[in-house]
Amino acid sequence: MEKLLTTGDVIDWLGGNAAVAEKMGVKPKTVWHWRDSGVFPSNTYVALTEALNSIGKTAPTSLWAMKSLSEEPAA
């Protein structure tokens, strides 16, 4: 699976701001904030990772400000 490294990459692969906003039940402006801040809210982790898995993509937990023992630290 290809790993997406930024919130922008995740949003783009999931169809863009409007599509992600609709899937997540939020306003597109909220998704723009996620893109600009570089971090998703933790309560979106399951839904977004499931959506990514369905298209053969993954993203590091750091995009949700979470740590994983299985991920390498950023250089």
PDB file of N, CA and C in Angstrom:
ATOM      1  N   MET A   1       0.836  -1.186   0.000  1.00  0.00           N
ATOM      2  CA  MET A   1       0.000   0.000   0.000  1.00  0.00           C
ATOM      3  C   MET A   1       0.880   1.249   0.000  1.00  0.00           C
ATOM      4  N   GLU A   2       0.467   2.219  -0.749  1.00  0.00           N
ATOM      5  CA  GLU A   2       1.185   3.495  -0.799  1.00  0.00           C
ATOM      6  C   GLU A   2       0.840   4.337   0.431  1.00  0.00           C
ATOM      7  N   LYS A   3       1.872   4.892   1.063  1.00  0.00           N
ATOM      8  CA  LYS A   3       1.672   5.735   2.240  1.00  0.00           C
ATOM      9  C   LYS A   3       1.620   7.198   1.812  1.00  0.00           C
ATOM     10  N   LEU A   4       0.547   7.880   2.191  1.00  0.00           N
ATOM     11  CA  LEU A   4       0.398   9.304   1.938  1.00  0.00           C
ATOM     12  C   LEU A   4       0.956  10.056   3.139  1.00  0.00           C
ATOM     13  N   LEU A   5       1.737  11.079   2.900  1.00  0.00           N
ATOM     14  CA  LEU A   5       2.497  11.701   3.990  1.00  0.00           C
ATOM     15  C   LEU A   5       1.961  13.032   4.493  1.00  0.00           C
ATOM     16  N   THR A   6       0.964  13.610   3.830  1.00  0.00           N
ATOM     17  CA  THR A   6       0.419  14.899   4.284  1.00  0.00           C
ATOM     18  C   THR A   6      -1.105  14.846   4.329  1.00  0.00           C
ATOM     19  N   THR A   7      -1.688  15.752   5.107  1.00  0.00           N
ATOM     20  CA  THR A   7      -3.150  15.840   5.132  1.00  0.00           C
ATOM     21  C   THR A   7      -3.658  16.207   3.743  1.00  0.00           C
ATOM     22  N   GLY A   8      -2.935  17.057   3.044  1.00  0.00           N
ATOM     23  CA  GLY A   8      -3.334  17.436   1.689  1.00  0.00           C
ATOM     24  C   GLY A   8      -3.397  16.241   0.762  1.00  0.00           C
ATOM     25  N   ASP A   9      -2.399  15.362   0.850  1.00  0.00           N
ATOM     26  CA  ASP A   9      -2.398  14.146   0.026  1.00  0.00           C
ATOM     27  C   ASP A   9      -3.619  13.282   0.344  1.00  0.00           C
ATOM     28  N   VAL A  10      -3.896  13.105   1.626  1.00  0.00           N
ATOM     29  CA  VAL A  10      -5.049  12.291   2.047  1.00  0.00           C
ATOM     30  C   VAL A  10      -6.334  12.889   1.489  1.00  0.00           C
ATOM     31  N   ILE A  11      -6.512  14.178   1.696  1.00  0.00           N
ATOM     32  CA  ILE A  11      -7.729  14.855   1.232  1.00  0.00           C
ATOM     33  C   ILE A  11      -7.860  14.742  -0.284  1.00  0.00           C
ATOM     34  N   ASP A  12      -6.774  14.974  -0.996  1.00  0.00           N
ATOM     35  CA  ASP A  12      -6.821  14.895  -2.456  1.00  0.00           C
ATOM     36  C   ASP A  12      -7.180  13.490  -2.934  1.00  0.00           C
ATOM     37  N   TRP A  13      -6.556  12.464  -2.360  1.00  0.00           N
ATOM     38  CA  TRP A  13      -6.832  11.088  -2.772  1.00  0.00           C
ATOM     39  C   TRP A  13      -8.252  10.660  -2.425  1.00  0.00           C
ATOM     40  N   LEU A  14      -8.853  11.302  -1.427  1.00  0.00           N
ATOM     41  CA  LEU A  14     -10.226  10.954  -1.049  1.00  0.00           C
ATOM     42  C   LEU A  14     -11.259  11.816  -1.775  1.00  0.00           C
ATOM     43  N   GLY A  15     -10.812  12.597  -2.763  1.00  0.00           N
ATOM     44  CA  GLY A  15     -11.756  13.317  -3.606  1.00  0.00           C
ATOM     45  C   GLY A  15     -11.800  14.814  -3.424  1.00  0.00           C
ATOM     46  N   GLY A  16     -10.951  15.355  -2.545  1.00  0.00           N
ATOM     47  CA  GLY A  16     -10.912  16.795  -2.357  1.00  0.00           C
ATOM     48  C   GLY A  16     -11.700  17.263  -1.147  1.00  0.00           C
ATOM     49  N   ASN A  17     -11.619  18.558  -0.894  1.00  0.00           N
ATOM     50  CA  ASN A  17     -12.213  19.133   0.316  1.00  0.00           C
ATOM     51  C   ASN A  17     -13.709  18.868   0.419  1.00  0.00           C
ATOM     52  N   ALA A  18     -14.459  19.122  -0.660  1.00  0.00           N
ATOM     53  CA  ALA A  18     -15.913  18.959  -0.608  1.00  0.00           C
ATOM     54  C   ALA A  18     -16.301  17.509  -0.356  1.00  0.00           C
ATOM     55  N   ALA A  19     -15.627  16.578  -1.025  1.00  0.00           N
ATOM     56  CA  ALA A  19     -15.946  15.154  -0.856  1.00  0.00           C
ATOM     57  C   ALA A  19     -15.635  14.682   0.563  1.00  0.00           C
ATOM     58  N   VAL A  20     -14.491  15.092   1.094  1.00  0.00           N
ATOM     59  CA  VAL A  20     -14.126  14.681   2.457  1.00  0.00           C
ATOM     60  C   VAL A  20     -15.079  15.323   3.462  1.00  0.00           C
ATOM     61  N   ALA A  21     -15.444  16.571   3.248  1.00  0.00           N
ATOM     62  CA  ALA A  21     -16.387  17.245   4.141  1.00  0.00           C
ATOM     63  C   ALA A  21     -17.715  16.489   4.189  1.00  0.00           C
ATOM     64  N   GLU A  22     -18.192  16.077   3.025  1.00  0.00           N
ATOM     65  CA  GLU A  22     -19.454  15.338   2.977  1.00  0.00           C
ATOM     66  C   GLU A  22     -19.339  14.000   3.694  1.00  0.00           C
ATOM     67  N   LYS A  23     -18.246  13.274   3.437  1.00  0.00           N
ATOM     68  CA  LYS A  23     -18.034  11.972   4.086  1.00  0.00           C
ATOM     69  C   LYS A  23     -17.947  12.104   5.599  1.00  0.00           C
ATOM     70  N   MET A  24     -17.326  13.198   6.065  1.00  0.00           N
ATOM     71  CA  MET A  24     -17.093  13.360   7.495  1.00  0.00           C
ATOM     72  C   MET A  24     -18.200  14.145   8.197  1.00  0.00           C
ATOM     73  N   GLY A  25     -19.147  14.681   7.446  1.00  0.00           N
ATOM     74  CA  GLY A  25     -20.252  15.424   8.039  1.00  0.00           C
ATOM     75  C   GLY A  25     -19.833  16.773   8.610  1.00  0.00           C
ATOM     76  N   VAL A  26     -18.858  17.406   7.929  1.00  0.00           N
ATOM     77  CA  VAL A  26     -18.385  18.723   8.364  1.00  0.00           C
ATOM     78  C   VAL A  26     -18.448  19.686   7.183  1.00  0.00           C
ATOM     79  N   LYS A  27     -18.207  20.952   7.445  1.00  0.00           N
ATOM     80  CA  LYS A  27     -18.194  21.958   6.387  1.00  0.00           C
ATOM     81  C   LYS A  27     -16.863  21.905   5.641  1.00  0.00           C
ATOM     82  N   PRO A  28     -16.871  22.245   4.354  1.00  0.00           N
ATOM     83  CA  PRO A  28     -15.616  22.265   3.597  1.00  0.00           C
ATOM     84  C   PRO A  28     -14.551  23.161   4.233  1.00  0.00           C
ATOM     85  N   LYS A  29     -14.955  24.237   4.881  1.00  0.00           N
ATOM     86  CA  LYS A  29     -13.991  25.118   5.552  1.00  0.00           C
ATOM     87  C   LYS A  29     -13.217  24.357   6.630  1.00  0.00           C
ATOM     88  N   THR A  30     -13.868  23.425   7.280  1.00  0.00           N
ATOM     89  CA  THR A  30     -13.205  22.605   8.301  1.00  0.00           C
ATOM     90  C   THR A  30     -12.108  21.759   7.660  1.00  0.00           C
ATOM     91  N   VAL A  31     -12.413  21.193   6.499  1.00  0.00           N
ATOM     92  CA  VAL A  31     -11.422  20.370   5.808  1.00  0.00           C
ATOM     93  C   VAL A  31     -10.256  21.244   5.349  1.00  0.00           C
ATOM     94  N   TRP A  32     -10.520  22.469   4.898  1.00  0.00           N
ATOM     95  CA  TRP A  32      -9.427  23.390   4.546  1.00  0.00           C
ATOM     96  C   TRP A  32      -8.521  23.611   5.756  1.00  0.00           C
ATOM     97  N   HIS A  33      -9.113  23.721   6.931  1.00  0.00           N
ATOM     98  CA  HIS A  33      -8.303  23.907   8.143  1.00  0.00           C
ATOM     99  C   HIS A  33      -7.410  22.690   8.376  1.00  0.00           C
ATOM    100  N   TRP A  34      -7.947  21.503   8.185  1.00  0.00           N
ATOM    101  CA  TRP A  34      -7.130  20.290   8.359  1.00  0.00           C
ATOM    102  C   TRP A  34      -5.964  20.301   7.390  1.00  0.00           C
ATOM    103  N   ARG A  35      -6.238  20.707   6.155  1.00  0.00           N
ATOM    104  CA  ARG A  35      -5.198  20.761   5.134  1.00  0.00           C
ATOM    105  C   ARG A  35      -4.122  21.775   5.537  1.00  0.00           C
ATOM    106  N   ASP A  36      -4.557  22.959   5.960  1.00  0.00           N
ATOM    107  CA  ASP A  36      -3.615  24.027   6.321  1.00  0.00           C
ATOM    108  C   ASP A  36      -2.815  23.721   7.577  1.00  0.00           C
ATOM    109  N   SER A  37      -3.469  23.104   8.570  1.00  0.00           N
ATOM    110  CA  SER A  37      -2.786  22.833   9.841  1.00  0.00           C
ATOM    111  C   SER A  37      -1.873  21.618   9.757  1.00  0.00           C
ATOM    112  N   GLY A  38      -2.147  20.720   8.802  1.00  0.00           N
ATOM    113  CA  GLY A  38      -1.338  19.516   8.656  1.00  0.00           C
ATOM    114  C   GLY A  38      -1.688  18.408   9.622  1.00  0.00           C
ATOM    115  N   VAL A  39      -2.824  18.555  10.341  1.00  0.00           N
ATOM    116  CA  VAL A  39      -3.224  17.554  11.327  1.00  0.00           C
ATOM    117  C   VAL A  39      -4.743  17.358  11.258  1.00  0.00           C
ATOM    118  N   PHE A  40      -5.149  16.093  11.301  1.00  0.00           N
ATOM    119  CA  PHE A  40      -6.573  15.765  11.388  1.00  0.00           C
ATOM    120  C   PHE A  40      -6.967  15.619  12.856  1.00  0.00           C
ATOM    121  N   PRO A  41      -8.227  15.879  13.199  1.00  0.00           N
ATOM    122  CA  PRO A  41      -8.681  15.579  14.560  1.00  0.00           C
ATOM    123  C   PRO A  41      -8.653  14.067  14.804  1.00  0.00           C
ATOM    124  N   SER A  42      -8.338  13.681  16.013  1.00  0.00           N
ATOM    125  CA  SER A  42      -8.214  12.246  16.311  1.00  0.00           C
ATOM    126  C   SER A  42      -9.524  11.496  16.093  1.00  0.00           C
ATOM    127  N   ASN A  43     -10.665  12.173  16.230  1.00  0.00           N
ATOM    128  CA  ASN A  43     -11.942  11.465  16.054  1.00  0.00           C
ATOM    129  C   ASN A  43     -12.242  11.133  14.592  1.00  0.00           C
ATOM    130  N   THR A  44     -11.366  11.525  13.676  1.00  0.00           N
ATOM    131  CA  THR A  44     -11.544  11.169  12.267  1.00  0.00           C
ATOM    132  C   THR A  44     -10.657   9.998  11.853  1.00  0.00           C
ATOM    133  N   TYR A  45      -9.841   9.520  12.768  1.00  0.00           N
ATOM    134  CA  TYR A  45      -8.844   8.493  12.427  1.00  0.00           C
ATOM    135  C   TYR A  45      -9.466   7.240  11.810  1.00  0.00           C
ATOM    136  N   VAL A  46     -10.441   6.664  12.460  1.00  0.00           N
ATOM    137  CA  VAL A  46     -11.008   5.396  11.977  1.00  0.00           C
ATOM    138  C   VAL A  46     -11.658   5.589  10.613  1.00  0.00           C
ATOM    139  N   ALA A  47     -12.493   6.600  10.470  1.00  0.00           N
ATOM    140  CA  ALA A  47     -13.206   6.814   9.205  1.00  0.00           C
ATOM    141  C   ALA A  47     -12.242   7.099   8.055  1.00  0.00           C
ATOM    142  N   LEU A  48     -11.264   7.962   8.287  1.00  0.00           N
ATOM    143  CA  LEU A  48     -10.341   8.309   7.211  1.00  0.00           C
ATOM    144  C   LEU A  48      -9.405   7.157   6.870  1.00  0.00           C
ATOM    145  N   THR A  49      -8.933   6.417   7.863  1.00  0.00           N
ATOM    146  CA  THR A  49      -8.061   5.290   7.548  1.00  0.00           C
ATOM    147  C   THR A  49      -8.832   4.181   6.831  1.00  0.00           C
ATOM    148  N   GLU A  50     -10.098   3.987   7.178  1.00  0.00           N
ATOM    149  CA  GLU A  50     -10.923   3.016   6.451  1.00  0.00           C
ATOM    150  C   GLU A  50     -11.105   3.454   4.997  1.00  0.00           C
ATOM    151  N   ALA A  51     -11.364   4.747   4.789  1.00  0.00           N
ATOM    152  CA  ALA A  51     -11.523   5.269   3.429  1.00  0.00           C
ATOM    153  C   ALA A  51     -10.230   5.111   2.636  1.00  0.00           C
ATOM    154  N   LEU A  52      -9.095   5.371   3.279  1.00  0.00           N
ATOM    155  CA  LEU A  52      -7.802   5.188   2.608  1.00  0.00           C
ATOM    156  C   LEU A  52      -7.561   3.722   2.271  1.00  0.00           C
ATOM    157  N   ASN A  53      -7.832   2.842   3.211  1.00  0.00           N
ATOM    158  CA  ASN A  53      -7.636   1.407   2.965  1.00  0.00           C
ATOM    159  C   ASN A  53      -8.461   0.933   1.782  1.00  0.00           C
ATOM    160  N   SER A  54      -9.654   1.500   1.611  1.00  0.00           N
ATOM    161  CA  SER A  54     -10.525   1.072   0.523  1.00  0.00           C
ATOM    162  C   SER A  54      -9.966   1.436  -0.856  1.00  0.00           C
ATOM    163  N   ILE A  55      -9.011   2.386  -0.893  1.00  0.00           N
ATOM    164  CA  ILE A  55      -8.376   2.749  -2.169  1.00  0.00           C
ATOM    165  C   ILE A  55      -6.898   2.349  -2.201  1.00  0.00           C
ATOM    166  N   GLY A  56      -6.502   1.512  -1.251  1.00  0.00           N
ATOM    167  CA  GLY A  56      -5.136   0.982  -1.255  1.00  0.00           C
ATOM    168  C   GLY A  56      -4.082   1.959  -0.775  1.00  0.00           C
ATOM    169  N   LYS A  57      -4.467   2.874   0.099  1.00  0.00           N
ATOM    170  CA  LYS A  57      -3.532   3.871   0.628  1.00  0.00           C
ATOM    171  C   LYS A  57      -3.503   3.792   2.149  1.00  0.00           C
ATOM    172  N   THR A  58      -2.422   4.306   2.732  1.00  0.00           N
ATOM    173  CA  THR A  58      -2.301   4.426   4.173  1.00  0.00           C
ATOM    174  C   THR A  58      -1.748   5.815   4.483  1.00  0.00           C
ATOM    175  N   ALA A  59      -1.750   6.162   5.753  1.00  0.00           N
ATOM    176  CA  ALA A  59      -1.167   7.429   6.206  1.00  0.00           C
ATOM    177  C   ALA A  59      -0.607   7.214   7.604  1.00  0.00           C
ATOM    178  N   PRO A  60       0.458   7.924   7.952  1.00  0.00           N
ATOM    179  CA  PRO A  60       1.041   7.756   9.282  1.00  0.00           C
ATOM    180  C   PRO A  60       0.123   8.320  10.369  1.00  0.00           C
ATOM    181  N   THR A  61       0.161   7.696  11.531  1.00  0.00           N
ATOM    182  CA  THR A  61      -0.669   8.169  12.642  1.00  0.00           C
ATOM    183  C   THR A  61      -0.303   9.586  13.069  1.00  0.00           C
ATOM    184  N   SER A  62       0.884  10.030  12.705  1.00  0.00           N
ATOM    185  CA  SER A  62       1.297  11.392  13.060  1.00  0.00           C
ATOM    186  C   SER A  62       0.393  12.447  12.424  1.00  0.00           C
ATOM    187  N   LEU A  63      -0.314  12.105  11.346  1.00  0.00           N
ATOM    188  CA  LEU A  63      -1.257  13.061  10.751  1.00  0.00           C
ATOM    189  C   LEU A  63      -2.458  13.301  11.648  1.00  0.00           C
ATOM    190  N   TRP A  64      -2.618  12.471  12.662  1.00  0.00           N
ATOM    191  CA  TRP A  64      -3.663  12.643  13.662  1.00  0.00           C
ATOM    192  C   TRP A  64      -3.044  12.998  15.016  1.00  0.00           C
ATOM    193  N   ALA A  65      -1.795  13.417  15.006  1.00  0.00           N
ATOM    194  CA  ALA A  65      -1.047  13.766  16.219  1.00  0.00           C
ATOM    195  C   ALA A  65      -0.992  12.599  17.199  1.00  0.00           C
ATOM    196  N   MET A  66      -0.883  11.386  16.644  1.00  0.00           N
ATOM    197  CA  MET A  66      -0.753  10.190  17.462  1.00  0.00           C
ATOM    198  C   MET A  66       0.570   9.526  17.141  1.00  0.00           C
ATOM    199  N   LYS A  67       1.073   8.766  18.071  1.00  0.00           N
ATOM    200  CA  LYS A  67       2.330   8.049  17.883  1.00  0.00           C
ATOM    201  C   LYS A  67       2.051   6.563  17.749  1.00  0.00           C
ATOM    202  N   SER A  68       2.909   5.899  16.989  1.00  0.00           N
ATOM    203  CA  SER A  68       2.831   4.464  16.818  1.00  0.00           C
ATOM    204  C   SER A  68       4.218   3.888  16.995  1.00  0.00           C
ATOM    205  N   LEU A  69       4.335   2.795  17.719  1.00  0.00           N
ATOM    206  CA  LEU A  69       5.624   2.164  17.887  1.00  0.00           C
ATOM    207  C   LEU A  69       6.127   1.540  16.603  1.00  0.00           C
ATOM    208  N   SER A  70       5.224   1.226  15.683  1.00  0.00           N
ATOM    209  CA  SER A  70       5.624   0.569  14.450  1.00  0.00           C
ATOM    210  C   SER A  70       6.082   1.538  13.371  1.00  0.00           C
ATOM    211  N   GLU A  71       5.915   2.843  13.570  1.00  0.00           N
ATOM    212  CA  GLU A  71       6.348   3.818  12.575  1.00  0.00           C
ATOM    213  C   GLU A  71       7.692   4.383  12.940  1.00  0.00           C
ATOM    214  N   GLU A  72       8.485   4.629  11.909  1.00  0.00           N
ATOM    215  CA  GLU A  72       9.805   5.214  12.126  1.00  0.00           C
ATOM    216  C   GLU A  72       9.661   6.683  12.483  1.00  0.00           C
ATOM    217  N   PRO A  73      10.509   7.184  13.371  1.00  0.00           N
ATOM    218  CA  PRO A  73      10.453   8.617  13.696  1.00  0.00           C
ATOM    219  C   PRO A  73      10.865   9.457  12.502  1.00  0.00           C
ATOM    220  N   ALA A  74      10.325  10.671  12.450  1.00  0.00           N
ATOM    221  CA  ALA A  74      10.677  11.584  11.360  1.00  0.00           C
ATOM    222  C   ALA A  74      12.138  11.969  11.478  1.00  0.00           C
ATOM    223  N   ALA A  75      12.794  12.104  10.342  1.00  0.00           N
ATOM    224  CA  ALA A  75      14.225  12.452  10.328  1.00  0.00           C
ATOM    225  C   ALA A  75      14.420  13.931  10.533  1.00  0.00           C
TER     226      ALA A  75
END
